[in-house]
PDB file of all heavy atoms in Angstrom:
ATOM      1  N   LYS A   1      -7.446  -6.326 -12.592  1.00  0.00           N
ATOM      2  CA  LYS A   1      -8.317  -5.769 -13.630  1.00  0.00           C
ATOM      3  C   LYS A   1      -9.284  -6.815 -14.178  1.00  0.00           C
ATOM      4  O   LYS A   1      -9.502  -6.912 -15.384  1.00  0.00           O
ATOM      5  CB  LYS A   1      -7.483  -5.170 -14.759  1.00  0.00           C
ATOM      6  CG  LYS A   1      -6.586  -4.044 -14.304  1.00  0.00           C
ATOM      7  CD  LYS A   1      -5.695  -3.581 -15.426  1.00  0.00           C
ATOM      8  CE  LYS A   1      -4.677  -2.600 -14.884  1.00  0.00           C
ATOM      9  NZ  LYS A   1      -3.520  -2.460 -15.733  1.00  0.00           N
ATOM     10  N   GLY A   2      -9.824  -7.651 -13.300  1.00  0.00           N
ATOM     11  CA  GLY A   2     -10.778  -8.666 -13.707  1.00  0.00           C
ATOM     12  C   GLY A   2     -10.155  -9.935 -14.269  1.00  0.00           C
ATOM     13  O   GLY A   2     -10.834 -10.930 -14.466  1.00  0.00           O
ATOM     14  N   GLU A   3      -8.871  -9.901 -14.563  1.00  0.00           N
ATOM     15  CA  GLU A   3      -8.166 -11.077 -15.076  1.00  0.00           C
ATOM     16  C   GLU A   3      -7.720 -11.943 -13.904  1.00  0.00           C
ATOM     17  O   GLU A   3      -7.086 -11.449 -12.980  1.00  0.00           O
ATOM     18  CB  GLU A   3      -6.949 -10.661 -15.902  1.00  0.00           C
ATOM     19  CG  GLU A   3      -7.282  -9.853 -17.131  1.00  0.00           C
ATOM     20  CD  GLU A   3      -8.002 -10.677 -18.190  1.00  0.00           C
ATOM     21  OE1 GLU A   3      -7.645 -11.866 -18.368  1.00  0.00           O
ATOM     22  OE2 GLU A   3      -8.914 -10.133 -18.827  1.00  0.00           O
ATOM     23  N   ARG A   4      -8.021 -13.216 -13.993  1.00  0.00           N
ATOM     24  CA  ARG A   4      -7.632 -14.157 -12.934  1.00  0.00           C
ATOM     25  C   ARG A   4      -6.591 -15.125 -13.461  1.00  0.00           C
ATOM     26  O   ARG A   4      -6.620 -15.501 -14.632  1.00  0.00           O
ATOM     27  CB  ARG A   4      -8.852 -14.921 -12.445  1.00  0.00           C
ATOM     28  CG  ARG A   4      -9.867 -14.025 -11.795  1.00  0.00           C
ATOM     29  CD  ARG A   4     -11.122 -14.802 -11.442  1.00  0.00           C
ATOM     30  NE  ARG A   4     -12.124 -13.891 -10.954  1.00  0.00           N
ATOM     31  CZ  ARG A   4     -12.590 -13.894  -9.720  1.00  0.00           C
ATOM     32  NH1 ARG A   4     -12.162 -14.790  -8.862  1.00  0.00           N
ATOM     33  NH2 ARG A   4     -13.494 -13.022  -9.346  1.00  0.00           N
ATOM     34  N   ALA A   5      -5.695 -15.525 -12.577  1.00  0.00           N
ATOM     35  CA  ALA A   5      -4.679 -16.511 -12.936  1.00  0.00           C
ATOM     36  C   ALA A   5      -4.404 -17.383 -11.720  1.00  0.00           C
ATOM     37  O   ALA A   5      -4.589 -16.963 -10.575  1.00  0.00           O
ATOM     38  CB  ALA A   5      -3.390 -15.830 -13.391  1.00  0.00           C
ATOM     39  N   VAL A   6      -3.988 -18.600 -11.978  1.00  0.00           N
ATOM     40  CA  VAL A   6      -3.598 -19.527 -10.927  1.00  0.00           C
ATOM     41  C   VAL A   6      -2.209 -20.036 -11.269  1.00  0.00           C
ATOM     42  O   VAL A   6      -1.962 -20.466 -12.398  1.00  0.00           O
ATOM     43  CB  VAL A   6      -4.585 -20.716 -10.816  1.00  0.00           C
ATOM     44  CG1 VAL A   6      -4.133 -21.693  -9.745  1.00  0.00           C
ATOM     45  CG2 VAL A   6      -6.002 -20.216 -10.544  1.00  0.00           C
ATOM     46  N   ARG A   7      -1.310 -19.967 -10.292  1.00  0.00           N
ATOM     47  CA  ARG A   7       0.050 -20.474 -10.486  1.00  0.00           C
ATOM     48  C   ARG A   7       0.389 -21.385  -9.316  1.00  0.00           C
ATOM     49  O   ARG A   7      -0.196 -21.288  -8.247  1.00  0.00           O
ATOM     50  CB  ARG A   7       1.050 -19.314 -10.550  1.00  0.00           C
ATOM     51  CG  ARG A   7       0.763 -18.393 -11.723  1.00  0.00           C
ATOM     52  CD  ARG A   7       1.800 -17.321 -11.890  1.00  0.00           C
ATOM     53  NE  ARG A   7       1.639 -16.298 -10.875  1.00  0.00           N
ATOM     54  CZ  ARG A   7       2.512 -15.339 -10.646  1.00  0.00           C
ATOM     55  NH1 ARG A   7       3.623 -15.287 -11.331  1.00  0.00           N
ATOM     56  NH2 ARG A   7       2.295 -14.433  -9.738  1.00  0.00           N
ATOM     57  N   ARG A   8       1.327 -22.268  -9.540  1.00  0.00           N
ATOM     58  CA  ARG A   8       1.741 -23.211  -8.505  1.00  0.00           C
ATOM     59  C   ARG A   8       3.126 -22.823  -7.997  1.00  0.00           C
ATOM     60  O   ARG A   8       4.014 -22.529  -8.775  1.00  0.00           O
ATOM     61  CB  ARG A   8       1.774 -24.633  -9.063  1.00  0.00           C
ATOM     62  CG  ARG A   8       2.175 -25.649  -8.012  1.00  0.00           C
ATOM     63  CD  ARG A   8       1.772 -27.051  -8.347  1.00  0.00           C
ATOM     64  NE  ARG A   8       0.342 -27.240  -8.551  1.00  0.00           N
ATOM     65  CZ  ARG A   8      -0.560 -27.330  -7.577  1.00  0.00           C
ATOM     66  NH1 ARG A   8      -0.205 -27.200  -6.331  1.00  0.00           N
ATOM     67  NH2 ARG A   8      -1.825 -27.538  -7.862  1.00  0.00           N
ATOM     68  N   THR A   9       3.278 -22.841  -6.681  1.00  0.00           N
ATOM     69  CA  THR A   9       4.579 -22.583  -6.079  1.00  0.00           C
ATOM     70  C   THR A   9       5.418 -23.852  -6.137  1.00  0.00           C
ATOM     71  O   THR A   9       4.882 -24.961  -6.220  1.00  0.00           O
ATOM     72  CB  THR A   9       4.448 -22.178  -4.599  1.00  0.00           C
ATOM     73  OG1 THR A   9       3.868 -23.265  -3.873  1.00  0.00           O
ATOM     74  CG2 THR A   9       3.610 -20.928  -4.423  1.00  0.00           C
ATOM     75  N   SER A  10       6.725 -23.685  -6.064  1.00  0.00           N
ATOM     76  CA  SER A  10       7.591 -24.845  -5.869  1.00  0.00           C
ATOM     77  C   SER A  10       7.519 -25.193  -4.377  1.00  0.00           C
ATOM     78  O   SER A  10       7.012 -24.406  -3.567  1.00  0.00           O
ATOM     79  CB  SER A  10       9.029 -24.507  -6.260  1.00  0.00           C
ATOM     80  OG  SER A  10       9.585 -23.579  -5.335  1.00  0.00           O
ATOM     81  N   ALA A  11       8.033 -26.346  -4.005  1.00  0.00           N
ATOM     82  CA  ALA A  11       8.031 -26.737  -2.596  1.00  0.00           C
ATOM     83  C   ALA A  11       8.797 -25.720  -1.754  1.00  0.00           C
ATOM     84  O   ALA A  11       8.362 -25.342  -0.656  1.00  0.00           O
ATOM     85  CB  ALA A  11       8.637 -28.131  -2.433  1.00  0.00           C
ATOM     86  N   ALA A  12       9.930 -25.240  -2.265  1.00  0.00           N
ATOM     87  CA  ALA A  12      10.742 -24.268  -1.522  1.00  0.00           C
ATOM     88  C   ALA A  12      10.004 -22.930  -1.373  1.00  0.00           C
ATOM     89  O   ALA A  12      10.025 -22.318  -0.300  1.00  0.00           O
ATOM     90  CB  ALA A  12      12.085 -24.055  -2.222  1.00  0.00           C
ATOM     91  N   GLN A  13       9.337 -22.478  -2.431  1.00  0.00           N
ATOM     92  CA  GLN A  13       8.586 -21.220  -2.366  1.00  0.00           C
ATOM     93  C   GLN A  13       7.424 -21.330  -1.387  1.00  0.00           C
ATOM     94  O   GLN A  13       7.161 -20.407  -0.611  1.00  0.00           O
ATOM     95  CB  GLN A  13       8.050 -20.852  -3.747  1.00  0.00           C
ATOM     96  CG  GLN A  13       9.120 -20.455  -4.723  1.00  0.00           C
ATOM     97  CD  GLN A  13       8.597 -20.430  -6.151  1.00  0.00           C
ATOM     98  OE1 GLN A  13       7.679 -21.171  -6.504  1.00  0.00           O
ATOM     99  NE2 GLN A  13       9.194 -19.579  -6.969  1.00  0.00           N
ATOM    100  N   PHE A  14       6.742 -22.481  -1.413  1.00  0.00           N
ATOM    101  CA  PHE A  14       5.613 -22.689  -0.515  1.00  0.00           C
ATOM    102  C   PHE A  14       6.077 -22.668   0.939  1.00  0.00           C
ATOM    103  O   PHE A  14       5.467 -22.023   1.793  1.00  0.00           O
ATOM    104  CB  PHE A  14       4.926 -24.012  -0.870  1.00  0.00           C
ATOM    105  CG  PHE A  14       3.614 -24.245  -0.178  1.00  0.00           C
ATOM    106  CD1 PHE A  14       2.629 -23.268  -0.172  1.00  0.00           C
ATOM    107  CD2 PHE A  14       3.348 -25.455   0.430  1.00  0.00           C
ATOM    108  CE1 PHE A  14       1.407 -23.490   0.449  1.00  0.00           C
ATOM    109  CE2 PHE A  14       2.131 -25.691   1.052  1.00  0.00           C
ATOM    110  CZ  PHE A  14       1.163 -24.705   1.063  1.00  0.00           C
ATOM    111  N   THR A  15       7.185 -23.322   1.208  1.00  0.00           N
ATOM    112  CA  THR A  15       7.736 -23.328   2.570  1.00  0.00           C
ATOM    113  C   THR A  15       8.155 -21.926   2.986  1.00  0.00           C
ATOM    114  O   THR A  15       7.895 -21.504   4.117  1.00  0.00           O
ATOM    115  CB  THR A  15       8.935 -24.300   2.672  1.00  0.00           C
ATOM    116  OG1 THR A  15       8.463 -25.614   2.355  1.00  0.00           O
ATOM    117  CG2 THR A  15       9.546 -24.289   4.051  1.00  0.00           C
ATOM    118  N   GLU A  16       8.794 -21.191   2.089  1.00  0.00           N
ATOM    119  CA  GLU A  16       9.222 -19.821   2.391  1.00  0.00           C
ATOM    120  C   GLU A  16       8.028 -18.929   2.735  1.00  0.00           C
ATOM    121  O   GLU A  16       8.051 -18.197   3.721  1.00  0.00           O
ATOM    122  CB  GLU A  16       9.997 -19.227   1.217  1.00  0.00           C
ATOM    123  CG  GLU A  16      10.368 -17.769   1.373  1.00  0.00           C
ATOM    124  CD  GLU A  16      11.434 -17.498   2.407  1.00  0.00           C
ATOM    125  OE1 GLU A  16      12.103 -18.450   2.862  1.00  0.00           O
ATOM    126  OE2 GLU A  16      11.622 -16.325   2.775  1.00  0.00           O
ATOM    127  N   LEU A  17       6.965 -18.989   1.938  1.00  0.00           N
ATOM    128  CA  LEU A  17       5.776 -18.174   2.209  1.00  0.00           C
ATOM    129  C   LEU A  17       5.135 -18.576   3.536  1.00  0.00           C
ATOM    130  O   LEU A  17       4.739 -17.714   4.332  1.00  0.00           O
ATOM    131  CB  LEU A  17       4.776 -18.302   1.064  1.00  0.00           C
ATOM    132  CG  LEU A  17       5.181 -17.616  -0.240  1.00  0.00           C
ATOM    133  CD1 LEU A  17       4.279 -18.065  -1.391  1.00  0.00           C
ATOM    134  CD2 LEU A  17       5.160 -16.107  -0.098  1.00  0.00           C
ATOM    135  N   ARG A  18       5.057 -19.863   3.799  1.00  0.00           N
ATOM    136  CA  ARG A  18       4.482 -20.325   5.077  1.00  0.00           C
ATOM    137  C   ARG A  18       5.358 -19.937   6.255  1.00  0.00           C
ATOM    138  O   ARG A  18       4.849 -19.645   7.341  1.00  0.00           O
ATOM    139  CB  ARG A  18       4.265 -21.838   5.027  1.00  0.00           C
ATOM    140  CG  ARG A  18       3.143 -22.209   4.069  1.00  0.00           C
ATOM    141  CD  ARG A  18       2.905 -23.710   3.906  1.00  0.00           C
ATOM    142  NE  ARG A  18       3.086 -24.458   5.105  1.00  0.00           N
ATOM    143  CZ  ARG A  18       3.947 -25.486   5.243  1.00  0.00           C
ATOM    144  NH1 ARG A  18       4.678 -25.884   4.208  1.00  0.00           N
ATOM    145  NH2 ARG A  18       4.048 -26.127   6.377  1.00  0.00           N
ATOM    146  N   THR A  19       6.672 -19.895   6.055  1.00  0.00           N
ATOM    147  CA  THR A  19       7.586 -19.475   7.118  1.00  0.00           C
ATOM    148  C   THR A  19       7.419 -17.981   7.398  1.00  0.00           C
ATOM    149  O   THR A  19       7.424 -17.556   8.557  1.00  0.00           O
ATOM    150  CB  THR A  19       9.040 -19.804   6.753  1.00  0.00           C
ATOM    151  OG1 THR A  19       9.142 -21.225   6.558  1.00  0.00           O
ATOM    152  CG2 THR A  19      10.015 -19.384   7.844  1.00  0.00           C
ATOM    153  N   LEU A  20       7.262 -17.182   6.356  1.00  0.00           N
ATOM    154  CA  LEU A  20       7.009 -15.759   6.558  1.00  0.00           C
ATOM    155  C   LEU A  20       5.707 -15.553   7.338  1.00  0.00           C
ATOM    156  O   LEU A  20       5.623 -14.693   8.215  1.00  0.00           O
ATOM    157  CB  LEU A  20       6.935 -15.030   5.216  1.00  0.00           C
ATOM    158  CG  LEU A  20       8.250 -14.895   4.456  1.00  0.00           C
ATOM    159  CD1 LEU A  20       8.005 -14.389   3.041  1.00  0.00           C
ATOM    160  CD2 LEU A  20       9.223 -13.998   5.199  1.00  0.00           C
ATOM    161  N   LEU A  21       4.692 -16.350   7.040  1.00  0.00           N
ATOM    162  CA  LEU A  21       3.421 -16.271   7.764  1.00  0.00           C
ATOM    163  C   LEU A  21       3.556 -16.723   9.217  1.00  0.00           C
ATOM    164  O   LEU A  21       2.796 -16.286  10.075  1.00  0.00           O
ATOM    165  CB  LEU A  21       2.364 -17.138   7.075  1.00  0.00           C
ATOM    166  CG  LEU A  21       1.744 -16.551   5.828  1.00  0.00           C
ATOM    167  CD1 LEU A  21       0.958 -17.617   5.073  1.00  0.00           C
ATOM    168  CD2 LEU A  21       0.853 -15.380   6.189  1.00  0.00           C
ATOM    169  N   GLY A  22       4.522 -17.607   9.474  1.00  0.00           N
ATOM    170  CA  GLY A  22       4.719 -18.132  10.824  1.00  0.00           C
ATOM    171  C   GLY A  22       5.670 -17.303  11.672  1.00  0.00           C
ATOM    172  O   GLY A  22       5.987 -17.693  12.799  1.00  0.00           O
ATOM    173  N   ASP A  23       6.131 -16.173  11.163  1.00  0.00           N
ATOM    174  CA  ASP A  23       7.060 -15.333  11.912  1.00  0.00           C
ATOM    175  C   ASP A  23       6.359 -14.778  13.156  1.00  0.00           C
ATOM    176  O   ASP A  23       5.361 -14.067  13.043  1.00  0.00           O
ATOM    177  CB  ASP A  23       7.561 -14.184  11.029  1.00  0.00           C
ATOM    178  CG  ASP A  23       8.716 -13.423  11.647  1.00  0.00           C
ATOM    179  OD1 ASP A  23       8.849 -13.405  12.895  1.00  0.00           O
ATOM    180  OD2 ASP A  23       9.495 -12.835  10.883  1.00  0.00           O
ATOM    181  N   PRO A  24       6.874 -15.084  14.354  1.00  0.00           N
ATOM    182  CA  PRO A  24       6.250 -14.587  15.584  1.00  0.00           C
ATOM    183  C   PRO A  24       6.181 -13.059  15.646  1.00  0.00           C
ATOM    184  O   PRO A  24       5.334 -12.513  16.346  1.00  0.00           O
ATOM    185  CB  PRO A  24       7.143 -15.128  16.702  1.00  0.00           C
ATOM    186  CG  PRO A  24       7.979 -16.183  16.092  1.00  0.00           C
ATOM    187  CD  PRO A  24       8.036 -15.924  14.623  1.00  0.00           C
ATOM    188  N   ALA A  25       7.038 -12.360  14.919  1.00  0.00           N
ATOM    189  CA  ALA A  25       7.026 -10.898  14.928  1.00  0.00           C
ATOM    190  C   ALA A  25       5.722 -10.346  14.338  1.00  0.00           C
ATOM    191  O   ALA A  25       5.343  -9.209  14.640  1.00  0.00           O
ATOM    192  CB  ALA A  25       8.231 -10.354  14.159  1.00  0.00           C
ATOM    193  N   LEU A  26       5.022 -11.123  13.512  1.00  0.00           N
ATOM    194  CA  LEU A  26       3.748 -10.666  12.967  1.00  0.00           C
ATOM    195  C   LEU A  26       2.700 -10.479  14.065  1.00  0.00           C
ATOM    196  O   LEU A  26       1.773  -9.687  13.909  1.00  0.00           O
ATOM    197  CB  LEU A  26       3.227 -11.642  11.911  1.00  0.00           C
ATOM    198  CG  LEU A  26       3.946 -11.635  10.574  1.00  0.00           C
ATOM    199  CD1 LEU A  26       3.407 -12.747   9.673  1.00  0.00           C
ATOM    200  CD2 LEU A  26       3.837 -10.287   9.883  1.00  0.00           C
ATOM    201  N   ASP A  27       2.866 -11.207  15.178  1.00  0.00           N
ATOM    202  CA  ASP A  27       1.923 -11.071  16.288  1.00  0.00           C
ATOM    203  C   ASP A  27       1.939  -9.661  16.868  1.00  0.00           C
ATOM    204  O   ASP A  27       0.944  -9.207  17.432  1.00  0.00           O
ATOM    205  CB  ASP A  27       2.235 -12.074  17.395  1.00  0.00           C
ATOM    206  CG  ASP A  27       2.038 -13.510  16.951  1.00  0.00           C
ATOM    207  OD1 ASP A  27       1.323 -13.745  15.946  1.00  0.00           O
ATOM    208  OD2 ASP A  27       2.603 -14.402  17.602  1.00  0.00           O
ATOM    209  N   ASP A  28       3.074  -8.968  16.739  1.00  0.00           N
ATOM    210  CA  ASP A  28       3.224  -7.632  17.315  1.00  0.00           C
ATOM    211  C   ASP A  28       2.859  -6.512  16.346  1.00  0.00           C
ATOM    212  O   ASP A  28       2.882  -5.334  16.708  1.00  0.00           O
ATOM    213  CB  ASP A  28       4.669  -7.426  17.792  1.00  0.00           C
ATOM    214  CG  ASP A  28       5.040  -8.402  18.893  1.00  0.00           C
ATOM    215  OD1 ASP A  28       4.149  -8.800  19.677  1.00  0.00           O
ATOM    216  OD2 ASP A  28       6.230  -8.782  18.966  1.00  0.00           O
ATOM    217  N   VAL A  29       2.524  -6.863  15.099  1.00  0.00           N
ATOM    218  CA  VAL A  29       2.179  -5.860  14.092  1.00  0.00           C
ATOM    219  C   VAL A  29       0.770  -5.336  14.373  1.00  0.00           C
ATOM    220  O   VAL A  29      -0.154  -6.109  14.606  1.00  0.00           O
ATOM    221  CB  VAL A  29       2.254  -6.475  12.673  1.00  0.00           C
ATOM    222  CG1 VAL A  29       1.682  -5.531  11.631  1.00  0.00           C
ATOM    223  CG2 VAL A  29       3.681  -6.841  12.337  1.00  0.00           C
ATOM    224  N   SER A  30       0.647  -4.021  14.334  1.00  0.00           N
ATOM    225  CA  SER A  30      -0.650  -3.387  14.533  1.00  0.00           C
ATOM    226  C   SER A  30      -1.592  -3.767  13.390  1.00  0.00           C
ATOM    227  O   SER A  30      -1.164  -3.962  12.256  1.00  0.00           O
ATOM    228  CB  SER A  30      -0.471  -1.871  14.572  1.00  0.00           C
ATOM    229  OG  SER A  30      -1.724  -1.234  14.630  1.00  0.00           O
ATOM    230  N   ASP A  31      -2.888  -3.847  13.693  1.00  0.00           N
ATOM    231  CA  ASP A  31      -3.872  -4.176  12.663  1.00  0.00           C
ATOM    232  C   ASP A  31      -4.081  -3.027  11.679  1.00  0.00           C
ATOM    233  O   ASP A  31      -4.627  -3.233  10.599  1.00  0.00           O
ATOM    234  CB  ASP A  31      -5.217  -4.535  13.299  1.00  0.00           C
ATOM    235  CG  ASP A  31      -5.185  -5.893  13.975  1.00  0.00           C
ATOM    236  OD1 ASP A  31      -4.269  -6.686  13.706  1.00  0.00           O
ATOM    237  OD2 ASP A  31      -6.095  -6.156  14.791  1.00  0.00           O
ATOM    238  N   PHE A  32      -3.654  -1.815  12.051  1.00  0.00           N
ATOM    239  CA  PHE A  32      -3.851  -0.660  11.176  1.00  0.00           C
ATOM    240  C   PHE A  32      -2.674   0.297  11.310  1.00  0.00           C
ATOM    241  O   PHE A  32      -2.436   0.837  12.391  1.00  0.00           O
ATOM    242  CB  PHE A  32      -5.156   0.059  11.545  1.00  0.00           C
ATOM    243  CG  PHE A  32      -5.492   1.199  10.629  1.00  0.00           C
ATOM    244  CD1 PHE A  32      -6.100   0.974   9.406  1.00  0.00           C
ATOM    245  CD2 PHE A  32      -5.208   2.505  10.992  1.00  0.00           C
ATOM    246  CE1 PHE A  32      -6.421   2.024   8.558  1.00  0.00           C
ATOM    247  CE2 PHE A  32      -5.523   3.565  10.149  1.00  0.00           C
ATOM    248  CZ  PHE A  32      -6.132   3.321   8.934  1.00  0.00           C
ATOM    249  N   THR A  33      -1.931   0.452  10.236  1.00  0.00           N
ATOM    250  CA  THR A  33      -0.867   1.459  10.203  1.00  0.00           C
ATOM    251  C   THR A  33      -0.993   2.202   8.886  1.00  0.00           C
ATOM    252  O   THR A  33      -0.950   1.607   7.812  1.00  0.00           O
ATOM    253  CB  THR A  33       0.545   0.840  10.300  1.00  0.00           C
ATOM    254  OG1 THR A  33       0.732  -0.092   9.241  1.00  0.00           O
ATOM    255  CG2 THR A  33       0.763   0.152  11.632  1.00  0.00           C
ATOM    256  N   LYS A  34      -1.200   3.505   9.006  1.00  0.00           N
ATOM    257  CA  LYS A  34      -1.390   4.309   7.811  1.00  0.00           C
ATOM    258  C   LYS A  34      -0.876   5.715   8.076  1.00  0.00           C
ATOM    259  O   LYS A  34      -1.144   6.285   9.126  1.00  0.00           O
ATOM    260  CB  LYS A  34      -2.876   4.344   7.454  1.00  0.00           C
ATOM    261  CG  LYS A  34      -3.168   4.970   6.137  1.00  0.00           C
ATOM    262  CD  LYS A  34      -4.644   4.783   5.786  1.00  0.00           C
ATOM    263  CE  LYS A  34      -4.933   5.418   4.454  1.00  0.00           C
ATOM    264  NZ  LYS A  34      -6.324   5.285   4.077  1.00  0.00           N
ATOM    265  N   ASN A  35      -0.149   6.258   7.125  1.00  0.00           N
ATOM    266  CA  ASN A  35       0.327   7.619   7.196  1.00  0.00           C
ATOM    267  C   ASN A  35      -0.781   8.512   6.642  1.00  0.00           C
ATOM    268  O   ASN A  35      -0.973   8.588   5.427  1.00  0.00           O
ATOM    269  CB  ASN A  35       1.616   7.786   6.392  1.00  0.00           C
ATOM    270  CG  ASN A  35       2.152   9.191   6.450  1.00  0.00           C
ATOM    271  OD1 ASN A  35       1.473  10.125   6.868  1.00  0.00           O
ATOM    272  ND2 ASN A  35       3.391   9.352   6.032  1.00  0.00           N
ATOM    273  N   MET A  36      -1.495   9.168   7.515  1.00  0.00           N
ATOM    274  CA  MET A  36      -2.645   9.979   7.108  1.00  0.00           C
ATOM    275  C   MET A  36      -2.222  11.242   6.356  1.00  0.00           C
ATOM    276  O   MET A  36      -3.049  11.876   5.713  1.00  0.00           O
ATOM    277  CB  MET A  36      -3.482  10.354   8.329  1.00  0.00           C
ATOM    278  CG  MET A  36      -3.983   9.129   9.098  1.00  0.00           C
ATOM    279  SD  MET A  36      -4.832   7.937   8.069  1.00  0.00           S
ATOM    280  CE  MET A  36      -6.491   8.490   8.258  1.00  0.00           C
ATOM    281  N   GLN A  37      -0.944  11.601   6.408  1.00  0.00           N
ATOM    282  CA  GLN A  37      -0.447  12.792   5.722  1.00  0.00           C
ATOM    283  C   GLN A  37      -0.014  12.495   4.286  1.00  0.00           C
ATOM    284  O   GLN A  37       0.211  13.401   3.507  1.00  0.00           O
ATOM    285  CB  GLN A  37       0.731  13.392   6.501  1.00  0.00           C
ATOM    286  CG  GLN A  37       0.426  13.698   7.946  1.00  0.00           C
ATOM    287  CD  GLN A  37      -0.741  14.666   8.100  1.00  0.00           C
ATOM    288  OE1 GLN A  37      -0.827  15.656   7.394  1.00  0.00           O
ATOM    289  NE2 GLN A  37      -1.649  14.355   9.011  1.00  0.00           N
ATOM    290  N   ALA A  38       0.172  11.236   3.957  1.00  0.00           N
ATOM    291  CA  ALA A  38       0.679  10.866   2.633  1.00  0.00           C
ATOM    292  C   ALA A  38      -0.479  10.616   1.668  1.00  0.00           C
ATOM    293  O   ALA A  38      -1.536  10.125   2.051  1.00  0.00           O
ATOM    294  CB  ALA A  38       1.549   9.623   2.726  1.00  0.00           C
ATOM    295  N   ALA A  39      -0.223  10.938   0.415  1.00  0.00           N
ATOM    296  CA  ALA A  39      -1.219  10.700  -0.631  1.00  0.00           C
ATOM    297  C   ALA A  39      -0.655   9.697  -1.628  1.00  0.00           C
ATOM    298  O   ALA A  39       0.552   9.591  -1.811  1.00  0.00           O
ATOM    299  CB  ALA A  39      -1.541  12.006  -1.342  1.00  0.00           C
ATOM    300  N   ASP A  40      -1.535   8.960  -2.250  1.00  0.00           N
ATOM    301  CA  ASP A  40      -1.182   8.057  -3.342  1.00  0.00           C
ATOM    302  C   ASP A  40      -0.280   6.895  -2.955  1.00  0.00           C
ATOM    303  O   ASP A  40       0.417   6.345  -3.802  1.00  0.00           O
ATOM    304  CB  ASP A  40      -0.550   8.825  -4.517  1.00  0.00           C
ATOM    305  CG  ASP A  40      -1.526   9.807  -5.141  1.00  0.00           C
ATOM    306  OD1 ASP A  40      -2.741   9.539  -5.076  1.00  0.00           O
ATOM    307  OD2 ASP A  40      -1.079  10.828  -5.669  1.00  0.00           O
TER     308      ASP A  40
END
């Protein structure tokens, strides 16, 4: 809503987020998945 904030991760949180990004399974995720029948 136009409000910006900056926060710092701990070393463990930063590693965890980078590990999630490095998961090889993300390579197999489709670029677009959407349920066209669902609303909201």
